[in-house]
Amino acid sequence: MHTLLLLKKGEIFSYGQCGLPYLIGGLIDHHRKLIARSAETFREKYGIDARCLHEVTSIDPEQKNSVGSSYENKKNPLQKAMTAS
């Protein structure tokens, strides 16, 4: 069985960008109301091991691990790596 591990440098995984003008204009009172999917949603609904506040600094495909500023992932084999800014 493959495990998908999703690491995100920031705190928010998915948010509604189309709502930003409403936030700036004061029609939405808090930026948290724009969050579409939390890390918990990815885990519970989609079965994805989603972790916030983790920055990947290197990936070693031969050893099947990834290293970050706050962790080292050797237990779960690296299946796929996806990065986003």
PDB file of N, CA and C in Angstrom:
ATOM      1  N   MET A   1       0.833  -1.179   0.000  1.00  0.00           N
ATOM      2  CA  MET A   1       0.000   0.000   0.000  1.00  0.00           C
ATOM      3  C   MET A   1       0.881   1.247   0.000  1.00  0.00           C
ATOM      4  N   HIS A   2       0.530   2.221  -0.797  1.00  0.00           N
ATOM      5  CA  HIS A   2       1.275   3.475  -0.869  1.00  0.00           C
ATOM      6  C   HIS A   2       0.669   4.498   0.081  1.00  0.00           C
ATOM      7  N   THR A   3       1.535   5.280   0.674  1.00  0.00           N
ATOM      8  CA  THR A   3       1.103   6.363   1.542  1.00  0.00           C
ATOM      9  C   THR A   3       1.518   7.675   0.910  1.00  0.00           C
ATOM     10  N   LEU A   4       0.597   8.602   0.847  1.00  0.00           N
ATOM     11  CA  LEU A   4       0.906   9.918   0.319  1.00  0.00           C
ATOM     12  C   LEU A   4       1.128  10.860   1.489  1.00  0.00           C
ATOM     13  N   LEU A   5       2.303  11.446   1.532  1.00  0.00           N
ATOM     14  CA  LEU A   5       2.671  12.396   2.580  1.00  0.00           C
ATOM     15  C   LEU A   5       2.754  13.771   1.946  1.00  0.00           C
ATOM     16  N   LEU A   6       1.964  14.703   2.448  1.00  0.00           N
ATOM     17  CA  LEU A   6       1.918  16.062   1.927  1.00  0.00           C
ATOM     18  C   LEU A   6       2.465  17.003   2.989  1.00  0.00           C
ATOM     19  N   LEU A   7       3.579  17.655   2.680  1.00  0.00           N
ATOM     20  CA  LEU A   7       4.216  18.577   3.620  1.00  0.00           C
ATOM     21  C   LEU A   7       4.047  19.996   3.106  1.00  0.00           C
ATOM     22  N   LYS A   8       3.649  20.885   3.983  1.00  0.00           N
ATOM     23  CA  LYS A   8       3.405  22.281   3.623  1.00  0.00           C
ATOM     24  C   LYS A   8       4.191  23.180   4.550  1.00  0.00           C
ATOM     25  N   LYS A   9       4.918  24.122   3.975  1.00  0.00           N
ATOM     26  CA  LYS A   9       5.729  25.038   4.773  1.00  0.00           C
ATOM     27  C   LYS A   9       4.858  25.948   5.633  1.00  0.00           C
ATOM     28  N   GLY A  10       3.742  26.386   5.111  1.00  0.00           N
ATOM     29  CA  GLY A  10       2.851  27.295   5.837  1.00  0.00           C
ATOM     30  C   GLY A  10       1.817  26.563   6.671  1.00  0.00           C
ATOM     31  N   GLU A  11       0.861  27.332   7.190  1.00  0.00           N
ATOM     32  CA  GLU A  11      -0.183  26.774   8.046  1.00  0.00           C
ATOM     33  C   GLU A  11      -1.445  26.396   7.290  1.00  0.00           C
ATOM     34  N   ILE A  12      -1.636  26.925   6.090  1.00  0.00           N
ATOM     35  CA  ILE A  12      -2.894  26.746   5.371  1.00  0.00           C
ATOM     36  C   ILE A  12      -2.648  25.929   4.102  1.00  0.00           C
ATOM     37  N   PHE A  13      -3.414  24.826   3.943  1.00  0.00           N
ATOM     38  CA  PHE A  13      -3.259  23.962   2.777  1.00  0.00           C
ATOM     39  C   PHE A  13      -4.050  24.465   1.578  1.00  0.00           C
ATOM     40  N   SER A  14      -5.282  24.828   1.788  1.00  0.00           N
ATOM     41  CA  SER A  14      -6.150  25.162   0.668  1.00  0.00           C
ATOM     42  C   SER A  14      -7.092  26.291   1.079  1.00  0.00           C
ATOM     43  N   TYR A  15      -7.110  27.355   0.280  1.00  0.00           N
ATOM     44  CA  TYR A  15      -8.002  28.469   0.592  1.00  0.00           C
ATOM     45  C   TYR A  15      -8.625  29.015  -0.689  1.00  0.00           C
ATOM     46  N   GLY A  16      -9.741  29.696  -0.524  1.00  0.00           N
ATOM     47  CA  GLY A  16     -10.455  30.265  -1.659  1.00  0.00           C
ATOM     48  C   GLY A  16      -9.894  31.619  -2.051  1.00  0.00           C
ATOM     49  N   GLN A  17      -9.033  31.632  -3.067  1.00  0.00           N
ATOM     50  CA  GLN A  17      -8.414  32.881  -3.517  1.00  0.00           C
ATOM     51  C   GLN A  17      -9.443  33.875  -4.037  1.00  0.00           C
ATOM     52  N   CYS A  18     -10.533  33.376  -4.578  1.00  0.00           N
ATOM     53  CA  CYS A  18     -11.543  34.281  -5.128  1.00  0.00           C
ATOM     54  C   CYS A  18     -12.204  35.115  -4.035  1.00  0.00           C
ATOM     55  N   GLY A  19     -12.047  34.718  -2.773  1.00  0.00           N
ATOM     56  CA  GLY A  19     -12.619  35.476  -1.670  1.00  0.00           C
ATOM     57  C   GLY A  19     -11.740  36.599  -1.159  1.00  0.00           C
ATOM     58  N   LEU A  20     -10.506  36.699  -1.655  1.00  0.00           N
ATOM     59  CA  LEU A  20      -9.585  37.739  -1.175  1.00  0.00           C
ATOM     60  C   LEU A  20     -10.127  39.161  -1.334  1.00  0.00           C
ATOM     61  N   PRO A  21     -10.755  39.518  -2.456  1.00  0.00           N
ATOM     62  CA  PRO A  21     -11.308  40.878  -2.545  1.00  0.00           C
ATOM     63  C   PRO A  21     -12.353  41.164  -1.462  1.00  0.00           C
ATOM     64  N   TYR A  22     -13.123  40.147  -1.085  1.00  0.00           N
ATOM     65  CA  TYR A  22     -14.132  40.329  -0.035  1.00  0.00           C
ATOM     66  C   TYR A  22     -13.476  40.523   1.327  1.00  0.00           C
ATOM     67  N   LEU A  23     -12.370  39.835   1.549  1.00  0.00           N
ATOM     68  CA  LEU A  23     -11.620  40.014   2.792  1.00  0.00           C
ATOM     69  C   LEU A  23     -11.018  41.415   2.850  1.00  0.00           C
ATOM     70  N   ILE A  24     -10.398  41.825   1.768  1.00  0.00           N
ATOM     71  CA  ILE A  24      -9.785  43.155   1.707  1.00  0.00           C
ATOM     72  C   ILE A  24     -10.847  44.248   1.832  1.00  0.00           C
ATOM     73  N   GLY A  25     -12.007  44.024   1.229  1.00  0.00           N
ATOM     74  CA  GLY A  25     -13.092  45.004   1.277  1.00  0.00           C
ATOM     75  C   GLY A  25     -13.882  45.008   2.574  1.00  0.00           C
ATOM     76  N   GLY A  26     -13.559  44.065   3.474  1.00  0.00           N
ATOM     77  CA  GLY A  26     -14.232  44.032   4.769  1.00  0.00           C
ATOM     78  C   GLY A  26     -15.534  43.259   4.804  1.00  0.00           C
ATOM     79  N   LEU A  27     -15.924  42.614   3.703  1.00  0.00           N
ATOM     80  CA  LEU A  27     -17.155  41.828   3.691  1.00  0.00           C
ATOM     81  C   LEU A  27     -16.979  40.480   4.384  1.00  0.00           C
ATOM     82  N   ILE A  28     -15.749  40.009   4.446  1.00  0.00           N
ATOM     83  CA  ILE A  28     -15.395  38.817   5.224  1.00  0.00           C
ATOM     84  C   ILE A  28     -14.518  39.318   6.353  1.00  0.00           C
ATOM     85  N   ASP A  29     -14.891  38.965   7.591  1.00  0.00           N
ATOM     86  CA  ASP A  29     -14.213  39.563   8.745  1.00  0.00           C
ATOM     87  C   ASP A  29     -12.934  38.867   9.196  1.00  0.00           C
ATOM     88  N   HIS A  30     -12.668  37.645   8.719  1.00  0.00           N
ATOM     89  CA  HIS A  30     -11.453  36.949   9.161  1.00  0.00           C
ATOM     90  C   HIS A  30     -10.935  36.047   8.046  1.00  0.00           C
ATOM     91  N   HIS A  31      -9.613  36.032   7.873  1.00  0.00           N
ATOM     92  CA  HIS A  31      -9.014  35.236   6.787  1.00  0.00           C
ATOM     93  C   HIS A  31      -9.262  33.741   6.942  1.00  0.00           C
ATOM     94  N   ARG A  32      -9.502  33.269   8.146  1.00  0.00           N
ATOM     95  CA  ARG A  32      -9.759  31.833   8.360  1.00  0.00           C
ATOM     96  C   ARG A  32     -11.038  31.368   7.661  1.00  0.00           C
ATOM     97  N   LYS A  33     -11.937  32.288   7.376  1.00  0.00           N
ATOM     98  CA  LYS A  33     -13.182  31.934   6.688  1.00  0.00           C
ATOM     99  C   LYS A  33     -12.944  31.575   5.220  1.00  0.00           C
ATOM    100  N   LEU A  34     -11.759  31.863   4.715  1.00  0.00           N
ATOM    101  CA  LEU A  34     -11.422  31.528   3.329  1.00  0.00           C
ATOM    102  C   LEU A  34     -10.830  30.126   3.191  1.00  0.00           C
ATOM    103  N   ILE A  35     -10.532  29.466   4.301  1.00  0.00           N
ATOM    104  CA  ILE A  35      -9.911  28.141   4.248  1.00  0.00           C
ATOM    105  C   ILE A  35     -10.903  27.131   3.682  1.00  0.00           C
ATOM    106  N   ALA A  36     -10.500  26.464   2.611  1.00  0.00           N
ATOM    107  CA  ALA A  36     -11.354  25.477   1.947  1.00  0.00           C
ATOM    108  C   ALA A  36     -11.146  24.079   2.520  1.00  0.00           C
ATOM    109  N   ARG A  37      -9.891  23.701   2.733  1.00  0.00           N
ATOM    110  CA  ARG A  37      -9.574  22.367   3.267  1.00  0.00           C
ATOM    111  C   ARG A  37      -8.423  22.491   4.253  1.00  0.00           C
ATOM    112  N   SER A  38      -8.617  21.935   5.430  1.00  0.00           N
ATOM    113  CA  SER A  38      -7.571  21.943   6.454  1.00  0.00           C
ATOM    114  C   SER A  38      -6.748  20.660   6.354  1.00  0.00           C
ATOM    115  N   ALA A  39      -5.681  20.591   7.122  1.00  0.00           N
ATOM    116  CA  ALA A  39      -4.876  19.364   7.173  1.00  0.00           C
ATOM    117  C   ALA A  39      -5.737  18.197   7.643  1.00  0.00           C
ATOM    118  N   GLU A  40      -6.639  18.460   8.579  1.00  0.00           N
ATOM    119  CA  GLU A  40      -7.536  17.414   9.078  1.00  0.00           C
ATOM    120  C   GLU A  40      -8.443  16.890   7.966  1.00  0.00           C
ATOM    121  N   THR A  41      -8.917  17.787   7.108  1.00  0.00           N
ATOM    122  CA  THR A  41      -9.763  17.370   5.987  1.00  0.00           C
ATOM    123  C   THR A  41      -8.997  16.445   5.054  1.00  0.00           C
ATOM    124  N   PHE A  42      -7.754  16.783   4.740  1.00  0.00           N
ATOM    125  CA  PHE A  42      -6.944  15.923   3.881  1.00  0.00           C
ATOM    126  C   PHE A  42      -6.762  14.545   4.510  1.00  0.00           C
ATOM    127  N   ARG A  43      -6.531  14.505   5.827  1.00  0.00           N
ATOM    128  CA  ARG A  43      -6.336  13.220   6.507  1.00  0.00           C
ATOM    129  C   ARG A  43      -7.629  12.415   6.558  1.00  0.00           C
ATOM    130  N   GLU A  44      -8.707  13.039   7.048  1.00  0.00           N
ATOM    131  CA  GLU A  44      -9.951  12.311   7.296  1.00  0.00           C
ATOM    132  C   GLU A  44     -10.732  11.987   6.023  1.00  0.00           C
ATOM    133  N   LYS A  45     -10.840  12.937   5.108  1.00  0.00           N
ATOM    134  CA  LYS A  45     -11.664  12.745   3.915  1.00  0.00           C
ATOM    135  C   LYS A  45     -10.928  12.051   2.777  1.00  0.00           C
ATOM    136  N   TYR A  46      -9.637  12.374   2.613  1.00  0.00           N
ATOM    137  CA  TYR A  46      -8.890  11.865   1.467  1.00  0.00           C
ATOM    138  C   TYR A  46      -7.826  10.826   1.824  1.00  0.00           C
ATOM    139  N   GLY A  47      -7.583  10.595   3.120  1.00  0.00           N
ATOM    140  CA  GLY A  47      -6.583   9.614   3.536  1.00  0.00           C
ATOM    141  C   GLY A  47      -5.154  10.034   3.248  1.00  0.00           C
ATOM    142  N   ILE A  48      -4.908  11.347   3.187  1.00  0.00           N
ATOM    143  CA  ILE A  48      -3.573  11.879   2.910  1.00  0.00           C
ATOM    144  C   ILE A  48      -2.956  12.354   4.215  1.00  0.00           C
ATOM    145  N   ASP A  49      -1.738  11.922   4.481  1.00  0.00           N
ATOM    146  CA  ASP A  49      -1.009  12.357   5.676  1.00  0.00           C
ATOM    147  C   ASP A  49      -0.500  13.776   5.425  1.00  0.00           C
ATOM    148  N   ALA A  50      -1.282  14.771   5.833  1.00  0.00           N
ATOM    149  CA  ALA A  50      -0.968  16.181   5.584  1.00  0.00           C
ATOM    150  C   ALA A  50      -0.393  16.809   6.848  1.00  0.00           C
ATOM    151  N   ARG A  51       0.739  17.483   6.689  1.00  0.00           N
ATOM    152  CA  ARG A  51       1.408  18.098   7.836  1.00  0.00           C
ATOM    153  C   ARG A  51       1.777  19.544   7.521  1.00  0.00           C
ATOM    154  N   CYS A  52       1.401  20.427   8.416  1.00  0.00           N
ATOM    155  CA  CYS A  52       1.718  21.857   8.285  1.00  0.00           C
ATOM    156  C   CYS A  52       3.073  22.152   8.918  1.00  0.00           C
ATOM    157  N   LEU A  53       3.618  23.293   8.528  1.00  0.00           N
ATOM    158  CA  LEU A  53       4.841  23.838   9.117  1.00  0.00           C
ATOM    159  C   LEU A  53       6.047  22.909   8.980  1.00  0.00           C
ATOM    160  N   HIS A  54       6.156  22.270   7.812  1.00  0.00           N
ATOM    161  CA  HIS A  54       7.306  21.423   7.500  1.00  0.00           C
ATOM    162  C   HIS A  54       7.903  21.884   6.176  1.00  0.00           C
ATOM    163  N   GLU A  55       9.169  22.198   6.181  1.00  0.00           N
ATOM    164  CA  GLU A  55       9.849  22.629   4.962  1.00  0.00           C
ATOM    165  C   GLU A  55      10.818  21.542   4.513  1.00  0.00           C
ATOM    166  N   VAL A  56      10.629  21.042   3.304  1.00  0.00           N
ATOM    167  CA  VAL A  56      11.537  20.042   2.739  1.00  0.00           C
ATOM    168  C   VAL A  56      12.769  20.769   2.217  1.00  0.00           C
ATOM    169  N   THR A  57      13.938  20.358   2.701  1.00  0.00           N
ATOM    170  CA  THR A  57      15.181  20.991   2.261  1.00  0.00           C
ATOM    171  C   THR A  57      15.975  20.108   1.308  1.00  0.00           C
ATOM    172  N   SER A  58      15.727  18.794   1.345  1.00  0.00           N
ATOM    173  CA  SER A  58      16.384  17.912   0.381  1.00  0.00           C
ATOM    174  C   SER A  58      15.602  16.613   0.246  1.00  0.00           C
ATOM    175  N   ILE A  59      15.719  16.005  -0.933  1.00  0.00           N
ATOM    176  CA  ILE A  59      15.072  14.730  -1.232  1.00  0.00           C
ATOM    177  C   ILE A  59      16.129  13.802  -1.802  1.00  0.00           C
ATOM    178  N   ASP A  60      16.179  12.584  -1.273  1.00  0.00           N
ATOM    179  CA  ASP A  60      17.125  11.581  -1.752  1.00  0.00           C
ATOM    180  C   ASP A  60      16.327  10.409  -2.313  1.00  0.00           C
ATOM    181  N   PRO A  61      16.072  10.385  -3.640  1.00  0.00           N
ATOM    182  CA  PRO A  61      15.272   9.315  -4.225  1.00  0.00           C
ATOM    183  C   PRO A  61      15.898   7.932  -4.074  1.00  0.00           C
ATOM    184  N   GLU A  62      17.218   7.853  -4.084  1.00  0.00           N
ATOM    185  CA  GLU A  62      17.877   6.551  -3.960  1.00  0.00           C
ATOM    186  C   GLU A  62      17.651   5.943  -2.579  1.00  0.00           C
ATOM    187  N   GLN A  63      17.729   6.759  -1.547  1.00  0.00           N
ATOM    188  CA  GLN A  63      17.505   6.277  -0.182  1.00  0.00           C
ATOM    189  C   GLN A  63      16.023   6.324   0.203  1.00  0.00           C
ATOM    190  N   LYS A  64      15.197   6.904  -0.660  1.00  0.00           N
ATOM    191  CA  LYS A  64      13.758   7.033  -0.446  1.00  0.00           C
ATOM    192  C   LYS A  64      13.439   7.765   0.852  1.00  0.00           C
ATOM    193  N   ASN A  65      14.060   8.923   1.026  1.00  0.00           N
ATOM    194  CA  ASN A  65      13.731   9.740   2.187  1.00  0.00           C
ATOM    195  C   ASN A  65      13.807  11.210   1.827  1.00  0.00           C
ATOM    196  N   SER A  66      13.241  11.990   2.706  1.00  0.00           N
ATOM    197  CA  SER A  66      13.292  13.443   2.551  1.00  0.00           C
ATOM    198  C   SER A  66      13.742  14.048   3.869  1.00  0.00           C
ATOM    199  N   VAL A  67      14.405  15.182   3.780  1.00  0.00           N
ATOM    200  CA  VAL A  67      14.914  15.859   4.965  1.00  0.00           C
ATOM    201  C   VAL A  67      14.370  17.278   4.946  1.00  0.00           C
ATOM    202  N   GLY A  68      13.991  17.742   6.121  1.00  0.00           N
ATOM    203  CA  GLY A  68      13.480  19.101   6.233  1.00  0.00           C
ATOM    204  C   GLY A  68      14.119  19.831   7.384  1.00  0.00           C
ATOM    205  N   SER A  69      13.715  21.072   7.550  1.00  0.00           N
ATOM    206  CA  SER A  69      14.300  21.895   8.602  1.00  0.00           C
ATOM    207  C   SER A  69      13.872  21.443   9.990  1.00  0.00           C
ATOM    208  N   SER A  70      12.747  20.717  10.102  1.00  0.00           N
ATOM    209  CA  SER A  70      12.275  20.308  11.423  1.00  0.00           C
ATOM    210  C   SER A  70      12.025  18.810  11.541  1.00  0.00           C
ATOM    211  N   TYR A  71      12.453  18.031  10.552  1.00  0.00           N
ATOM    212  CA  TYR A  71      12.184  16.597  10.593  1.00  0.00           C
ATOM    213  C   TYR A  71      13.098  15.856   9.625  1.00  0.00           C
ATOM    214  N   GLU A  72      13.097  14.542   9.767  1.00  0.00           N
ATOM    215  CA  GLU A  72      13.724  13.668   8.775  1.00  0.00           C
ATOM    216  C   GLU A  72      12.786  12.496   8.589  1.00  0.00           C
ATOM    217  N   ASN A  73      12.359  12.244   7.368  1.00  0.00           N
ATOM    218  CA  ASN A  73      11.381  11.213   7.069  1.00  0.00           C
ATOM    219  C   ASN A  73      12.085  10.010   6.454  1.00  0.00           C
ATOM    220  N   LYS A  74      12.345   8.996   7.273  1.00  0.00           N
ATOM    221  CA  LYS A  74      12.946   7.761   6.761  1.00  0.00           C
ATOM    222  C   LYS A  74      12.005   6.578   6.908  1.00  0.00           C
ATOM    223  N   LYS A  75      10.999   6.680   7.769  1.00  0.00           N
ATOM    224  CA  LYS A  75      10.099   5.558   8.015  1.00  0.00           C
ATOM    225  C   LYS A  75       9.174   5.301   6.836  1.00  0.00           C
ATOM    226  N   ASN A  76       8.623   6.365   6.259  1.00  0.00           N
ATOM    227  CA  ASN A  76       7.727   6.215   5.116  1.00  0.00           C
ATOM    228  C   ASN A  76       8.517   6.398   3.834  1.00  0.00           C
ATOM    229  N   PRO A  77       8.520   5.409   2.958  1.00  0.00           N
ATOM    230  CA  PRO A  77       9.257   5.559   1.699  1.00  0.00           C
ATOM    231  C   PRO A  77       8.729   6.737   0.897  1.00  0.00           C
ATOM    232  N   LEU A  78       9.624   7.414   0.246  1.00  0.00           N
ATOM    233  CA  LEU A  78       9.246   8.552  -0.587  1.00  0.00           C
ATOM    234  C   LEU A  78       8.603   8.008  -1.857  1.00  0.00           C
ATOM    235  N   GLN A  79       7.316   8.256  -2.022  1.00  0.00           N
ATOM    236  CA  GLN A  79       6.608   7.779  -3.204  1.00  0.00           C
ATOM    237  C   GLN A  79       6.633   8.830  -4.301  1.00  0.00           C
ATOM    238  N   LYS A  80       6.234  10.021  -3.947  1.00  0.00           N
ATOM    239  CA  LYS A  80       6.216  11.125  -4.906  1.00  0.00           C
ATOM    240  C   LYS A  80       6.484  12.401  -4.135  1.00  0.00           C
ATOM    241  N   ALA A  81       7.129  13.311  -4.746  1.00  0.00           N
ATOM    242  CA  ALA A  81       7.384  14.602  -4.106  1.00  0.00           C
ATOM    243  C   ALA A  81       6.733  15.690  -4.939  1.00  0.00           C
ATOM    244  N   MET A  82       5.981  16.529  -4.278  1.00  0.00           N
ATOM    245  CA  MET A  82       5.334  17.634  -4.954  1.00  0.00           C
ATOM    246  C   MET A  82       5.628  18.893  -4.158  1.00  0.00           C
ATOM    247  N   THR A  83       6.102  19.914  -4.818  1.00  0.00           N
ATOM    248  CA  THR A  83       6.384  21.157  -4.123  1.00  0.00           C
ATOM    249  C   THR A  83       5.560  22.272  -4.730  1.00  0.00           C
ATOM    250  N   ALA A  84       5.239  23.226  -3.922  1.00  0.00           N
ATOM    251  CA  ALA A  84       4.498  24.400  -4.379  1.00  0.00           C
ATOM    252  C   ALA A  84       4.983  25.600  -3.603  1.00  0.00           C
ATOM    253  N   SER A  85       4.910  26.741  -4.228  1.00  0.00           N
ATOM    254  CA  SER A  85       5.314  27.951  -3.522  1.00  0.00           C
ATOM    255  C   SER A  85       4.095  28.693  -3.034  1.00  0.00           C
TER     256      SER A  85
END
